């Protein structure tokens, strides 16, 4: 598979739910501590059966060119051969250990 045709499956946590989306571009953001997800890919509406979870994601990201997701919210990024069904699922915690929520020192200033 050539690099310009790559598709990435990205799992990240957003507001207590796990989002699974497919995108053509994933890279480090210019904003410290963020990952850019761009050119989201959704399945075609060729079948009669419509997945409400994918439709919700499609609506949520309808006008979005690129999303900046906090690095600590990313669970996994996979390069795949073709896109699948985007979905939102419940976050049960499982064996996923989140990164610390702050990258800044917690101590006060010395005087």
PDB file of N, CA and C in Angstrom:
ATOM      1  N   UNK A   1       0.853  -1.176   0.000  1.00  0.00           N
ATOM      2  CA  UNK A   1       0.000   0.000   0.000  1.00  0.00           C
ATOM      3  C   UNK A   1       0.893   1.231   0.000  1.00  0.00           C
ATOM      4  N   UNK A   2       0.619   2.184  -0.871  1.00  0.00           N
ATOM      5  CA  UNK A   2       1.434   3.403  -0.916  1.00  0.00           C
ATOM      6  C   UNK A   2       1.048   4.341   0.210  1.00  0.00           C
ATOM      7  N   UNK A   3       2.004   5.162   0.621  1.00  0.00           N
ATOM      8  CA  UNK A   3       1.795   6.069   1.762  1.00  0.00           C
ATOM      9  C   UNK A   3       0.694   7.095   1.518  1.00  0.00           C
ATOM     10  N   UNK A   4       0.516   7.566   0.282  1.00  0.00           N
ATOM     11  CA  UNK A   4      -0.499   8.585   0.040  1.00  0.00           C
ATOM     12  C   UNK A   4      -1.912   8.013   0.092  1.00  0.00           C
ATOM     13  N   UNK A   5      -2.064   6.697   0.082  1.00  0.00           N
ATOM     14  CA  UNK A   5      -3.377   6.058   0.157  1.00  0.00           C
ATOM     15  C   UNK A   5      -3.651   5.474   1.546  1.00  0.00           C
ATOM     16  N   UNK A   6      -2.784   5.742   2.505  1.00  0.00           N
ATOM     17  CA  UNK A   6      -2.924   5.170   3.847  1.00  0.00           C
ATOM     18  C   UNK A   6      -4.217   5.620   4.516  1.00  0.00           C
ATOM     19  N   UNK A   7      -4.788   4.692   5.271  1.00  0.00           N
ATOM     20  CA  UNK A   7      -5.955   4.991   6.093  1.00  0.00           C
ATOM     21  C   UNK A   7      -5.623   4.539   7.500  1.00  0.00           C
ATOM     22  N   UNK A   8      -5.966   5.363   8.477  1.00  0.00           N
ATOM     23  CA  UNK A   8      -5.667   5.088   9.878  1.00  0.00           C
ATOM     24  C   UNK A   8      -6.961   4.903  10.657  1.00  0.00           C
ATOM     25  N   UNK A   9      -6.957   3.903  11.521  1.00  0.00           N
ATOM     26  CA  UNK A   9      -8.065   3.704  12.453  1.00  0.00           C
ATOM     27  C   UNK A   9      -7.587   4.256  13.787  1.00  0.00           C
ATOM     28  N   UNK A  10      -8.313   5.244  14.309  1.00  0.00           N
ATOM     29  CA  UNK A  10      -7.905   5.924  15.531  1.00  0.00           C
ATOM     30  C   UNK A  10      -8.967   5.700  16.613  1.00  0.00           C
ATOM     31  N   UNK A  11      -8.513   5.228  17.763  1.00  0.00           N
ATOM     32  CA  UNK A  11      -9.380   5.075  18.932  1.00  0.00           C
ATOM     33  C   UNK A  11      -8.978   6.149  19.927  1.00  0.00           C
ATOM     34  N   UNK A  12      -9.952   6.940  20.380  1.00  0.00           N
ATOM     35  CA  UNK A  12      -9.663   7.936  21.412  1.00  0.00           C
ATOM     36  C   UNK A  12     -10.869   8.112  22.322  1.00  0.00           C
ATOM     37  N   UNK A  13     -10.594   8.616  23.522  1.00  0.00           N
ATOM     38  CA  UNK A  13     -11.651   8.812  24.515  1.00  0.00           C
ATOM     39  C   UNK A  13     -12.126  10.256  24.434  1.00  0.00           C
ATOM     40  N   UNK A  14     -13.444  10.437  24.400  1.00  0.00           N
ATOM     41  CA  UNK A  14     -14.052  11.763  24.367  1.00  0.00           C
ATOM     42  C   UNK A  14     -15.307  11.734  25.231  1.00  0.00           C
ATOM     43  N   UNK A  15     -15.323  12.513  26.297  1.00  0.00           N
ATOM     44  CA  UNK A  15     -16.466  12.642  27.195  1.00  0.00           C
ATOM     45  C   UNK A  15     -16.974  11.286  27.683  1.00  0.00           C
ATOM     46  N   UNK A  16     -16.048  10.417  28.107  1.00  0.00           N
ATOM     47  CA  UNK A  16     -16.414   9.134  28.677  1.00  0.00           C
ATOM     48  C   UNK A  16     -16.792   8.062  27.683  1.00  0.00           C
ATOM     49  N   UNK A  17     -16.644   8.308  26.403  1.00  0.00           N
ATOM     50  CA  UNK A  17     -16.954   7.331  25.361  1.00  0.00           C
ATOM     51  C   UNK A  17     -15.703   7.093  24.520  1.00  0.00           C
ATOM     52  N   UNK A  18     -15.618   5.916  23.894  1.00  0.00           N
ATOM     53  CA  UNK A  18     -14.511   5.601  22.999  1.00  0.00           C
ATOM     54  C   UNK A  18     -14.979   5.839  21.568  1.00  0.00           C
ATOM     55  N   UNK A  19     -14.278   6.725  20.888  1.00  0.00           N
ATOM     56  CA  UNK A  19     -14.563   7.015  19.484  1.00  0.00           C
ATOM     57  C   UNK A  19     -13.601   6.199  18.638  1.00  0.00           C
ATOM     58  N   UNK A  20     -14.116   5.545  17.614  1.00  0.00           N
ATOM     59  CA  UNK A  20     -13.298   4.827  16.640  1.00  0.00           C
ATOM     60  C   UNK A  20     -13.590   5.458  15.283  1.00  0.00           C
ATOM     61  N   UNK A  21     -12.604   6.150  14.727  1.00  0.00           N
ATOM     62  CA  UNK A  21     -12.790   6.844  13.456  1.00  0.00           C
ATOM     63  C   UNK A  21     -11.701   6.422  12.472  1.00  0.00           C
ATOM     64  N   UNK A  22     -11.968   6.637  11.202  1.00  0.00           N
ATOM     65  CA  UNK A  22     -11.012   6.341  10.143  1.00  0.00           C
ATOM     66  C   UNK A  22     -10.631   7.647   9.472  1.00  0.00           C
ATOM     67  N   UNK A  23      -9.333   7.821   9.227  1.00  0.00           N
ATOM     68  CA  UNK A  23      -8.846   9.077   8.665  1.00  0.00           C
ATOM     69  C   UNK A  23      -7.698   8.823   7.695  1.00  0.00           C
ATOM     70  N   UNK A  24      -7.529   9.744   6.769  1.00  0.00           N
ATOM     71  CA  UNK A  24      -6.416   9.650   5.811  1.00  0.00           C
ATOM     72  C   UNK A  24      -5.143  10.286   6.358  1.00  0.00           C
ATOM     73  N   UNK A  25      -5.268  11.133   7.363  1.00  0.00           N
ATOM     74  CA  UNK A  25      -4.094  11.802   7.918  1.00  0.00           C
ATOM     75  C   UNK A  25      -4.106  11.839   9.438  1.00  0.00           C
ATOM     76  N   UNK A  26      -2.985  11.442  10.043  1.00  0.00           N
ATOM     77  CA  UNK A  26      -2.792  11.525  11.496  1.00  0.00           C
ATOM     78  C   UNK A  26      -1.355  11.956  11.723  1.00  0.00           C
ATOM     79  N   UNK A  27      -1.176  13.041  12.471  1.00  0.00           N
ATOM     80  CA  UNK A  27       0.180  13.506  12.753  1.00  0.00           C
ATOM     81  C   UNK A  27       0.197  14.380  13.997  1.00  0.00           C
ATOM     82  N   UNK A  28       1.398  14.665  14.474  1.00  0.00           N
ATOM     83  CA  UNK A  28       1.559  15.518  15.651  1.00  0.00           C
ATOM     84  C   UNK A  28       1.124  16.938  15.311  1.00  0.00           C
ATOM     85  N   UNK A  29       0.418  17.553  16.217  1.00  0.00           N
ATOM     86  CA  UNK A  29      -0.082  18.906  16.022  1.00  0.00           C
ATOM     87  C   UNK A  29       0.990  19.945  16.333  1.00  0.00           C
ATOM     88  N   UNK A  30       0.783  21.149  15.815  1.00  0.00           N
ATOM     89  CA  UNK A  30       1.631  22.279  16.177  1.00  0.00           C
ATOM     90  C   UNK A  30       1.321  22.720  17.609  1.00  0.00           C
ATOM     91  N   UNK A  31       0.138  22.355  18.094  1.00  0.00           N
ATOM     92  CA  UNK A  31      -0.263  22.655  19.465  1.00  0.00           C
ATOM     93  C   UNK A  31       0.336  21.591  20.383  1.00  0.00           C
ATOM     94  N   UNK A  32       1.033  22.012  21.401  1.00  0.00           N
ATOM     95  CA  UNK A  32       1.716  21.092  22.301  1.00  0.00           C
ATOM     96  C   UNK A  32       0.748  20.092  22.934  1.00  0.00           C
ATOM     97  N   UNK A  33       1.070  18.797  22.836  1.00  0.00           N
ATOM     98  CA  UNK A  33       0.276  17.770  23.497  1.00  0.00           C
ATOM     99  C   UNK A  33      -0.948  17.305  22.724  1.00  0.00           C
ATOM    100  N   UNK A  34      -1.050  17.643  21.439  1.00  0.00           N
ATOM    101  CA  UNK A  34      -2.208  17.251  20.644  1.00  0.00           C
ATOM    102  C   UNK A  34      -1.790  16.441  19.423  1.00  0.00           C
ATOM    103  N   UNK A  35      -2.708  15.591  18.943  1.00  0.00           N
ATOM    104  CA  UNK A  35      -2.539  14.827  17.717  1.00  0.00           C
ATOM    105  C   UNK A  35      -3.614  15.300  16.750  1.00  0.00           C
ATOM    106  N   UNK A  36      -3.232  15.518  15.488  1.00  0.00           N
ATOM    107  CA  UNK A  36      -4.183  15.962  14.461  1.00  0.00           C
ATOM    108  C   UNK A  36      -4.760  14.743  13.750  1.00  0.00           C
ATOM    109  N   UNK A  37      -6.076  14.731  13.629  1.00  0.00           N
ATOM    110  CA  UNK A  37      -6.776  13.719  12.835  1.00  0.00           C
ATOM    111  C   UNK A  37      -7.495  14.493  11.738  1.00  0.00           C
ATOM    112  N   UNK A  38      -7.157  14.188  10.471  1.00  0.00           N
ATOM    113  CA  UNK A  38      -7.775  14.940   9.377  1.00  0.00           C
ATOM    114  C   UNK A  38      -8.238  14.024   8.254  1.00  0.00           C
ATOM    115  N   UNK A  39      -9.110  14.565   7.413  1.00  0.00           N
ATOM    116  CA  UNK A  39      -9.717  13.846   6.295  1.00  0.00           C
ATOM    117  C   UNK A  39     -10.397  12.571   6.781  1.00  0.00           C
ATOM    118  N   UNK A  40     -11.374  12.744   7.666  1.00  0.00           N
ATOM    119  CA  UNK A  40     -12.125  11.602   8.191  1.00  0.00           C
ATOM    120  C   UNK A  40     -12.860  10.887   7.064  1.00  0.00           C
ATOM    121  N   UNK A  41     -12.909   9.556   7.154  1.00  0.00           N
ATOM    122  CA  UNK A  41     -13.526   8.720   6.126  1.00  0.00           C
ATOM    123  C   UNK A  41     -14.688   7.979   6.763  1.00  0.00           C
ATOM    124  N   UNK A  42     -15.849   8.055   6.119  1.00  0.00           N
ATOM    125  CA  UNK A  42     -17.028   7.327   6.589  1.00  0.00           C
ATOM    126  C   UNK A  42     -17.499   6.414   5.479  1.00  0.00           C
ATOM    127  N   UNK A  43     -18.146   5.304   5.856  1.00  0.00           N
ATOM    128  CA  UNK A  43     -18.644   4.344   4.875  1.00  0.00           C
ATOM    129  C   UNK A  43     -19.712   4.939   3.979  1.00  0.00           C
ATOM    130  N   UNK A  44     -19.846   4.349   2.820  1.00  0.00           N
ATOM    131  CA  UNK A  44     -20.871   4.796   1.874  1.00  0.00           C
ATOM    132  C   UNK A  44     -22.242   4.318   2.335  1.00  0.00           C
ATOM    133  N   UNK A  45     -23.261   5.045   1.942  1.00  0.00           N
ATOM    134  CA  UNK A  45     -24.642   4.679   2.294  1.00  0.00           C
ATOM    135  C   UNK A  45     -25.241   3.797   1.210  1.00  0.00           C
ATOM    136  N   UNK A  46     -24.565   2.710   0.868  1.00  0.00           N
ATOM    137  CA  UNK A  46     -25.047   1.854  -0.210  1.00  0.00           C
ATOM    138  C   UNK A  46     -26.029   0.794   0.288  1.00  0.00           C
ATOM    139  N   UNK A  47     -26.108   0.586   1.579  1.00  0.00           N
ATOM    140  CA  UNK A  47     -27.010  -0.435   2.101  1.00  0.00           C
ATOM    141  C   UNK A  47     -28.207   0.209   2.789  1.00  0.00           C
ATOM    142  N   UNK A  48     -29.218  -0.583   2.986  1.00  0.00           N
ATOM    143  CA  UNK A  48     -30.435  -0.102   3.636  1.00  0.00           C
ATOM    144  C   UNK A  48     -30.207   0.058   5.136  1.00  0.00           C
ATOM    145  N   UNK A  49     -29.375  -0.800   5.722  1.00  0.00           N
ATOM    146  CA  UNK A  49     -29.107  -0.760   7.153  1.00  0.00           C
ATOM    147  C   UNK A  49     -28.157   0.405   7.457  1.00  0.00           C
ATOM    148  N   UNK A  50     -28.571   1.264   8.381  1.00  0.00           N
ATOM    149  CA  UNK A  50     -27.766   2.426   8.764  1.00  0.00           C
ATOM    150  C   UNK A  50     -27.372   2.285  10.228  1.00  0.00           C
ATOM    151  N   UNK A  51     -26.083   2.418  10.495  1.00  0.00           N
ATOM    152  CA  UNK A  51     -25.588   2.335  11.861  1.00  0.00           C
ATOM    153  C   UNK A  51     -25.763   3.700  12.528  1.00  0.00           C
ATOM    154  N   UNK A  52     -26.601   3.803  13.580  1.00  0.00           N
ATOM    155  CA  UNK A  52     -26.848   5.101  14.214  1.00  0.00           C
ATOM    156  C   UNK A  52     -25.588   5.716  14.835  1.00  0.00           C
ATOM    157  N   UNK A  53     -24.670   4.872  15.312  1.00  0.00           N
ATOM    158  CA  UNK A  53     -23.429   5.367  15.897  1.00  0.00           C
ATOM    159  C   UNK A  53     -22.577   6.064  14.832  1.00  0.00           C
ATOM    160  N   UNK A  54     -22.477   5.453  13.654  1.00  0.00           N
ATOM    161  CA  UNK A  54     -21.703   6.069  12.574  1.00  0.00           C
ATOM    162  C   UNK A  54     -22.374   7.346  12.072  1.00  0.00           C
ATOM    163  N   UNK A  55     -23.685   7.334  12.008  1.00  0.00           N
ATOM    164  CA  UNK A  55     -24.415   8.532  11.582  1.00  0.00           C
ATOM    165  C   UNK A  55     -24.196   9.686  12.558  1.00  0.00           C
ATOM    166  N   UNK A  56     -24.153   9.373  13.851  1.00  0.00           N
ATOM    167  CA  UNK A  56     -23.901  10.403  14.866  1.00  0.00           C
ATOM    168  C   UNK A  56     -22.505  11.001  14.687  1.00  0.00           C
ATOM    169  N   UNK A  57     -21.509  10.145  14.443  1.00  0.00           N
ATOM    170  CA  UNK A  57     -20.141  10.618  14.208  1.00  0.00           C
ATOM    171  C   UNK A  57     -20.070  11.457  12.935  1.00  0.00           C
ATOM    172  N   UNK A  58     -20.742  10.994  11.906  1.00  0.00           N
ATOM    173  CA  UNK A  58     -20.746  11.711  10.625  1.00  0.00           C
ATOM    174  C   UNK A  58     -21.333  13.111  10.797  1.00  0.00           C
ATOM    175  N   UNK A  59     -22.395  13.207  11.574  1.00  0.00           N
ATOM    176  CA  UNK A  59     -23.017  14.498  11.848  1.00  0.00           C
ATOM    177  C   UNK A  59     -22.110  15.375  12.712  1.00  0.00           C
ATOM    178  N   UNK A  60     -21.498  14.778  13.731  1.00  0.00           N
ATOM    179  CA  UNK A  60     -20.635  15.527  14.637  1.00  0.00           C
ATOM    180  C   UNK A  60     -19.416  16.113  13.927  1.00  0.00           C
ATOM    181  N   UNK A  61     -18.860  15.380  12.962  1.00  0.00           N
ATOM    182  CA  UNK A  61     -17.657  15.828  12.269  1.00  0.00           C
ATOM    183  C   UNK A  61     -17.938  16.338  10.855  1.00  0.00           C
ATOM    184  N   UNK A  62     -19.180  16.689  10.576  1.00  0.00           N
ATOM    185  CA  UNK A  62     -19.609  17.071   9.231  1.00  0.00           C
ATOM    186  C   UNK A  62     -18.796  18.227   8.634  1.00  0.00           C
ATOM    187  N   UNK A  63     -18.605  19.292   9.341  1.00  0.00           N
ATOM    188  CA  UNK A  63     -17.909  20.474   8.831  1.00  0.00           C
ATOM    189  C   UNK A  63     -16.459  20.572   9.316  1.00  0.00           C
ATOM    190  N   UNK A  64     -15.932  19.496   9.898  1.00  0.00           N
ATOM    191  CA  UNK A  64     -14.596  19.512  10.488  1.00  0.00           C
ATOM    192  C   UNK A  64     -13.550  19.154   9.440  1.00  0.00           C
ATOM    193  N   UNK A  65     -12.540  20.039   9.303  1.00  0.00           N
ATOM    194  CA  UNK A  65     -11.432  19.765   8.394  1.00  0.00           C
ATOM    195  C   UNK A  65     -10.369  18.931   9.089  1.00  0.00           C
ATOM    196  N   UNK A  66     -10.081  19.285  10.343  1.00  0.00           N
ATOM    197  CA  UNK A  66      -9.093  18.560  11.141  1.00  0.00           C
ATOM    198  C   UNK A  66      -9.441  18.711  12.604  1.00  0.00           C
ATOM    199  N   UNK A  67      -9.201  17.654  13.355  1.00  0.00           N
ATOM    200  CA  UNK A  67      -9.453  17.670  14.800  1.00  0.00           C
ATOM    201  C   UNK A  67      -8.133  17.564  15.539  1.00  0.00           C
ATOM    202  N   UNK A  68      -8.009  18.342  16.586  1.00  0.00           N
ATOM    203  CA  UNK A  68      -6.846  18.271  17.470  1.00  0.00           C
ATOM    204  C   UNK A  68      -7.307  17.532  18.722  1.00  0.00           C
ATOM    205  N   UNK A  69      -6.822  16.318  18.897  1.00  0.00           N
ATOM    206  CA  UNK A  69      -7.214  15.472  20.018  1.00  0.00           C
ATOM    207  C   UNK A  69      -6.062  15.449  21.025  1.00  0.00           C
ATOM    208  N   UNK A  70      -6.342  15.645  22.307  1.00  0.00           N
ATOM    209  CA  UNK A  70      -5.258  15.594  23.302  1.00  0.00           C
ATOM    210  C   UNK A  70      -4.534  14.250  23.250  1.00  0.00           C
ATOM    211  N   UNK A  71      -3.222  14.311  23.325  1.00  0.00           N
ATOM    212  CA  UNK A  71      -2.400  13.111  23.227  1.00  0.00           C
ATOM    213  C   UNK A  71      -2.810  12.053  24.259  1.00  0.00           C
ATOM    214  N   UNK A  72      -3.156  12.495  25.466  1.00  0.00           N
ATOM    215  CA  UNK A  72      -3.512  11.531  26.508  1.00  0.00           C
ATOM    216  C   UNK A  72      -4.873  10.874  26.284  1.00  0.00           C
ATOM    217  N   UNK A  73      -5.661  11.365  25.317  1.00  0.00           N
ATOM    218  CA  UNK A  73      -6.955  10.760  25.017  1.00  0.00           C
ATOM    219  C   UNK A  73      -6.838   9.652  23.964  1.00  0.00           C
ATOM    220  N   UNK A  74      -5.703   9.603  23.269  1.00  0.00           N
ATOM    221  CA  UNK A  74      -5.502   8.588  22.233  1.00  0.00           C
ATOM    222  C   UNK A  74      -5.264   7.237  22.888  1.00  0.00           C
ATOM    223  N   UNK A  75      -6.012   6.238  22.455  1.00  0.00           N
ATOM    224  CA  UNK A  75      -5.816   4.875  22.945  1.00  0.00           C
ATOM    225  C   UNK A  75      -4.929   4.108  21.972  1.00  0.00           C
ATOM    226  N   UNK A  76      -5.211   4.244  20.675  1.00  0.00           N
ATOM    227  CA  UNK A  76      -4.496   3.447  19.689  1.00  0.00           C
ATOM    228  C   UNK A  76      -4.665   4.050  18.302  1.00  0.00           C
ATOM    229  N   UNK A  77      -3.618   3.923  17.474  1.00  0.00           N
ATOM    230  CA  UNK A  77      -3.671   4.333  16.070  1.00  0.00           C
ATOM    231  C   UNK A  77      -3.139   3.177  15.245  1.00  0.00           C
ATOM    232  N   UNK A  78      -3.948   2.690  14.306  1.00  0.00           N
ATOM    233  CA  UNK A  78      -3.551   1.588  13.431  1.00  0.00           C
ATOM    234  C   UNK A  78      -3.607   2.046  11.976  1.00  0.00           C
ATOM    235  N   UNK A  79      -2.625   1.630  11.174  1.00  0.00           N
ATOM    236  CA  UNK A  79      -2.694   1.840   9.733  1.00  0.00           C
ATOM    237  C   UNK A  79      -3.390   0.612   9.156  1.00  0.00           C
ATOM    238  N   UNK A  80      -4.476   0.818   8.417  1.00  0.00           N
ATOM    239  CA  UNK A  80      -5.282  -0.290   7.900  1.00  0.00           C
ATOM    240  C   UNK A  80      -5.362  -0.232   6.384  1.00  0.00           C
ATOM    241  N   UNK A  81      -5.797  -1.337   5.777  1.00  0.00           N
ATOM    242  CA  UNK A  81      -5.901  -1.406   4.319  1.00  0.00           C
ATOM    243  C   UNK A  81      -7.116  -0.660   3.778  1.00  0.00           C
ATOM    244  N   UNK A  82      -8.220  -0.690   4.528  1.00  0.00           N
ATOM    245  CA  UNK A  82      -9.421   0.014   4.077  1.00  0.00           C
ATOM    246  C   UNK A  82     -10.235   0.445   5.286  1.00  0.00           C
ATOM    247  N   UNK A  83     -11.115   1.414   5.054  1.00  0.00           N
ATOM    248  CA  UNK A  83     -11.913   1.929   6.163  1.00  0.00           C
ATOM    249  C   UNK A  83     -12.976   0.919   6.563  1.00  0.00           C
ATOM    250  N   UNK A  84     -13.421   1.055   7.799  1.00  0.00           N
ATOM    251  CA  UNK A  84     -14.487   0.222   8.332  1.00  0.00           C
ATOM    252  C   UNK A  84     -15.604   1.122   8.810  1.00  0.00           C
ATOM    253  N   UNK A  85     -16.364   0.628   9.745  1.00  0.00           N
ATOM    254  CA  UNK A  85     -17.487   1.388  10.281  1.00  0.00           C
ATOM    255  C   UNK A  85     -17.008   2.187  11.494  1.00  0.00           C
ATOM    256  N   UNK A  86     -17.171   3.488  11.431  1.00  0.00           N
ATOM    257  CA  UNK A  86     -16.842   4.355  12.569  1.00  0.00           C
ATOM    258  C   UNK A  86     -17.907   4.145  13.637  1.00  0.00           C
ATOM    259  N   UNK A  87     -17.478   4.200  14.904  1.00  0.00           N
ATOM    260  CA  UNK A  87     -18.472   3.967  15.960  1.00  0.00           C
ATOM    261  C   UNK A  87     -18.075   4.635  17.260  1.00  0.00           C
ATOM    262  N   UNK A  88     -19.069   4.754  18.127  1.00  0.00           N
ATOM    263  CA  UNK A  88     -18.884   5.259  19.482  1.00  0.00           C
ATOM    264  C   UNK A  88     -19.319   4.140  20.407  1.00  0.00           C
ATOM    265  N   UNK A  89     -18.488   3.834  21.396  1.00  0.00           N
ATOM    266  CA  UNK A  89     -18.849   2.795  22.348  1.00  0.00           C
ATOM    267  C   UNK A  89     -18.575   3.279  23.768  1.00  0.00           C
ATOM    268  N   UNK A  90     -19.124   2.559  24.724  1.00  0.00           N
ATOM    269  CA  UNK A  90     -18.932   2.907  26.124  1.00  0.00           C
ATOM    270  C   UNK A  90     -17.499   2.608  26.536  1.00  0.00           C
ATOM    271  N   UNK A  91     -16.942   3.451  27.400  1.00  0.00           N
ATOM    272  CA  UNK A  91     -15.595   3.252  27.917  1.00  0.00           C
ATOM    273  C   UNK A  91     -15.708   2.548  29.248  1.00  0.00           C
ATOM    274  N   UNK A  92     -15.315   1.271  29.271  1.00  0.00           N
ATOM    275  CA  UNK A  92     -15.412   0.508  30.509  1.00  0.00           C
ATOM    276  C   UNK A  92     -14.113   0.511  31.298  1.00  0.00           C
ATOM    277  N   UNK A  93     -13.112   1.192  30.789  1.00  0.00           N
ATOM    278  CA  UNK A  93     -11.832   1.247  31.488  1.00  0.00           C
ATOM    279  C   UNK A  93     -10.943   0.094  31.081  1.00  0.00           C
ATOM    280  N   UNK A  94     -11.427  -1.127  31.270  1.00  0.00           N
ATOM    281  CA  UNK A  94     -10.684  -2.314  30.876  1.00  0.00           C
ATOM    282  C   UNK A  94      -9.252  -2.288  31.376  1.00  0.00           C
ATOM    283  N   UNK A  95      -8.329  -2.587  30.501  1.00  0.00           N
ATOM    284  CA  UNK A  95      -6.924  -2.575  30.877  1.00  0.00           C
ATOM    285  C   UNK A  95      -6.188  -1.372  30.293  1.00  0.00           C
ATOM    286  N   UNK A  96      -6.919  -0.313  29.964  1.00  0.00           N
ATOM    287  CA  UNK A  96      -6.321   0.905  29.419  1.00  0.00           C
ATOM    288  C   UNK A  96      -5.955   1.829  30.571  1.00  0.00           C
ATOM    289  N   UNK A  97      -4.696   2.212  30.641  1.00  0.00           N
ATOM    290  CA  UNK A  97      -4.228   3.125  31.686  1.00  0.00           C
ATOM    291  C   UNK A  97      -4.015   4.491  31.047  1.00  0.00           C
ATOM    292  N   UNK A  98      -4.769   5.511  31.440  1.00  0.00           N
ATOM    293  CA  UNK A  98      -4.624   6.828  30.821  1.00  0.00           C
ATOM    294  C   UNK A  98      -3.307   7.499  31.211  1.00  0.00           C
ATOM    295  N   UNK A  99      -2.803   8.330  30.308  1.00  0.00           N
ATOM    296  CA  UNK A  99      -1.630   9.141  30.607  1.00  0.00           C
ATOM    297  C   UNK A  99      -2.013  10.183  31.651  1.00  0.00           C
ATOM    298  N   UNK A 100      -1.025  10.757  32.344  1.00  0.00           N
ATOM    299  CA  UNK A 100      -1.345  11.851  33.273  1.00  0.00           C
ATOM    300  C   UNK A 100      -2.041  12.986  32.524  1.00  0.00           C
ATOM    301  N   UNK A 101      -2.928  13.685  33.208  1.00  0.00           N
ATOM    302  CA  UNK A 101      -3.710  14.714  32.533  1.00  0.00           C
ATOM    303  C   UNK A 101      -2.999  16.048  32.407  1.00  0.00           C
ATOM    304  N   UNK A 102      -1.854  16.207  33.057  1.00  0.00           N
ATOM    305  CA  UNK A 102      -1.143  17.474  32.976  1.00  0.00           C
ATOM    306  C   UNK A 102       0.322  17.233  32.656  1.00  0.00           C
ATOM    307  N   UNK A 103       0.856  18.036  31.755  1.00  0.00           N
ATOM    308  CA  UNK A 103       2.261  17.941  31.402  1.00  0.00           C
ATOM    309  C   UNK A 103       3.082  19.007  32.114  1.00  0.00           C
ATOM    310  N   UNK A 104       2.428  19.848  32.877  1.00  0.00           N
ATOM    311  CA  UNK A 104       3.102  20.945  33.547  1.00  0.00           C
ATOM    312  C   UNK A 104       3.442  20.569  34.972  1.00  0.00           C
ATOM    313  N   UNK A 105       4.527  21.105  35.530  1.00  0.00           N
ATOM    314  CA  UNK A 105       4.855  20.799  36.932  1.00  0.00           C
ATOM    315  C   UNK A 105       3.739  21.241  37.863  1.00  0.00           C
ATOM    316  N   UNK A 106       3.514  20.484  38.925  1.00  0.00           N
ATOM    317  CA  UNK A 106       2.413  20.787  39.828  1.00  0.00           C
ATOM    318  C   UNK A 106       2.831  21.669  41.004  1.00  0.00           C
ATOM    319  N   UNK A 107       4.135  21.816  41.242  1.00  0.00           N
ATOM    320  CA  UNK A 107       4.618  22.609  42.373  1.00  0.00           C
ATOM    321  C   UNK A 107       4.461  24.109  42.141  1.00  0.00           C
ATOM    322  N   UNK A 108       4.476  24.859  43.238  1.00  0.00           N
ATOM    323  CA  UNK A 108       4.392  26.328  43.143  1.00  0.00           C
ATOM    324  C   UNK A 108       5.738  26.931  42.819  1.00  0.00           C
ATOM    325  N   UNK A 109       5.773  28.213  42.595  1.00  0.00           N
ATOM    326  CA  UNK A 109       7.005  28.926  42.284  1.00  0.00           C
ATOM    327  C   UNK A 109       7.793  29.155  43.565  1.00  0.00           C
ATOM    328  N   UNK A 110       9.093  28.929  43.508  1.00  0.00           N
ATOM    329  CA  UNK A 110       9.960  29.201  44.652  1.00  0.00           C
ATOM    330  C   UNK A 110      10.220  30.686  44.718  1.00  0.00           C
ATOM    331  N   UNK A 111      10.180  31.252  45.909  1.00  0.00           N
ATOM    332  CA  UNK A 111      10.380  32.682  46.052  1.00  0.00           C
ATOM    333  C   UNK A 111      11.735  32.964  46.636  1.00  0.00           C
TER     334      UNK A 111
END
